[in-house]
Amino acid sequence: MGVISFTGVKVFSTTLARDRENMGENITKWLKENQNVDVVDKIVTQSSDKEFHCLTITLFYRHKS
């Protein structure tokens, strides 16, 4: 398996329920505003404690040539 090269990272993260509901729309908006990038990998992380639930989506991208 080869190494995935990337030139940038964009992190979307929230603990608020309404923001988690809108996260997909926020990511889509960012992708439309940054059409000069190709997403080459992603990591979805969910964590929680007694009070908060955090969702983080990390996009690894490289600029289109």
Protein backbone atom coordinates (compact mmCIF):
# COMPACT_ATOMS: atom_id res chain seq x y z
CA MET A 1 0.00 0.00 0.00
CA GLY A 2 1.41 3.40 -0.99
CA VAL A 3 1.69 6.59 0.95
CA ILE A 4 -1.05 9.14 0.29
CA SER A 5 0.43 12.57 -0.29
CA PHE A 6 -1.46 15.71 0.64
CA THR A 7 -0.78 19.44 0.79
CA GLY A 8 -3.46 20.53 3.25
CA VAL A 9 -5.83 19.52 6.01
CA LYS A 10 -9.28 20.92 6.79
CA VAL A 11 -10.91 20.07 10.14
CA PHE A 12 -14.63 20.36 10.88
CA SER A 13 -15.49 19.82 14.54
CA THR A 14 -18.42 20.55 16.84
CA THR A 15 -20.01 19.55 20.11
CA LEU A 16 -23.38 21.26 19.52
CA ALA A 17 -26.24 19.05 18.26
CA ARG A 18 -27.55 21.61 15.76
CA ASP A 19 -24.04 22.13 14.38
CA ARG A 20 -23.58 18.36 14.01
CA GLU A 21 -26.83 18.30 12.01
CA ASN A 22 -25.47 21.01 9.68
CA MET A 23 -21.95 19.66 9.37
CA GLY A 24 -22.62 17.93 6.03
CA GLU A 25 -23.92 21.17 4.54
CA ASN A 26 -20.89 23.06 5.89
CA ILE A 27 -18.50 20.53 4.34
CA THR A 28 -20.35 20.65 1.01
CA LYS A 29 -20.18 24.46 1.05
CA TRP A 30 -16.43 24.38 1.76
CA LEU A 31 -15.86 21.90 -1.08
CA LYS A 32 -17.81 24.09 -3.51
CA GLU A 33 -15.80 27.13 -2.42
CA ASN A 34 -12.52 25.20 -2.81
CA GLN A 35 -12.91 23.42 -6.13
CA ASN A 36 -9.15 23.63 -6.63
CA VAL A 37 -8.58 20.75 -4.18
CA ASP A 38 -8.92 16.97 -4.40
CA VAL A 39 -9.79 15.21 -1.15
CA VAL A 40 -7.40 12.24 -0.90
CA ASP A 41 -8.38 10.88 2.52
CA LYS A 42 -10.69 11.52 5.47
CA ILE A 43 -10.98 10.58 9.12
CA VAL A 44 -14.22 10.69 11.11
CA THR A 45 -13.77 10.85 14.89
CA GLN A 46 -16.49 10.76 17.52
CA SER A 47 -15.84 11.23 21.20
CA SER A 48 -17.96 11.93 24.24
CA ASP A 49 -17.97 12.35 27.97
CA LYS A 50 -20.81 12.75 30.47
CA GLU A 51 -21.93 16.07 29.00
CA PHE A 52 -20.62 16.54 25.47
CA HIS A 53 -20.53 14.60 22.22
CA CYS A 54 -17.93 15.77 19.75
CA LEU A 55 -17.87 14.95 16.05
CA THR A 56 -14.80 15.76 14.00
CA ILE A 57 -14.33 15.22 10.28
CA THR A 58 -10.81 15.74 8.99
CA LEU A 59 -10.23 16.08 5.25
CA PHE A 60 -6.78 15.62 3.74
CA TYR A 61 -6.42 17.23 0.34
CA ARG A 62 -4.00 18.26 -2.33
CA HIS A 63 -4.28 21.18 -4.68
CA LYS A 64 -5.17 20.34 -8.27
CA SER A 65 -2.38 20.95 -10.74
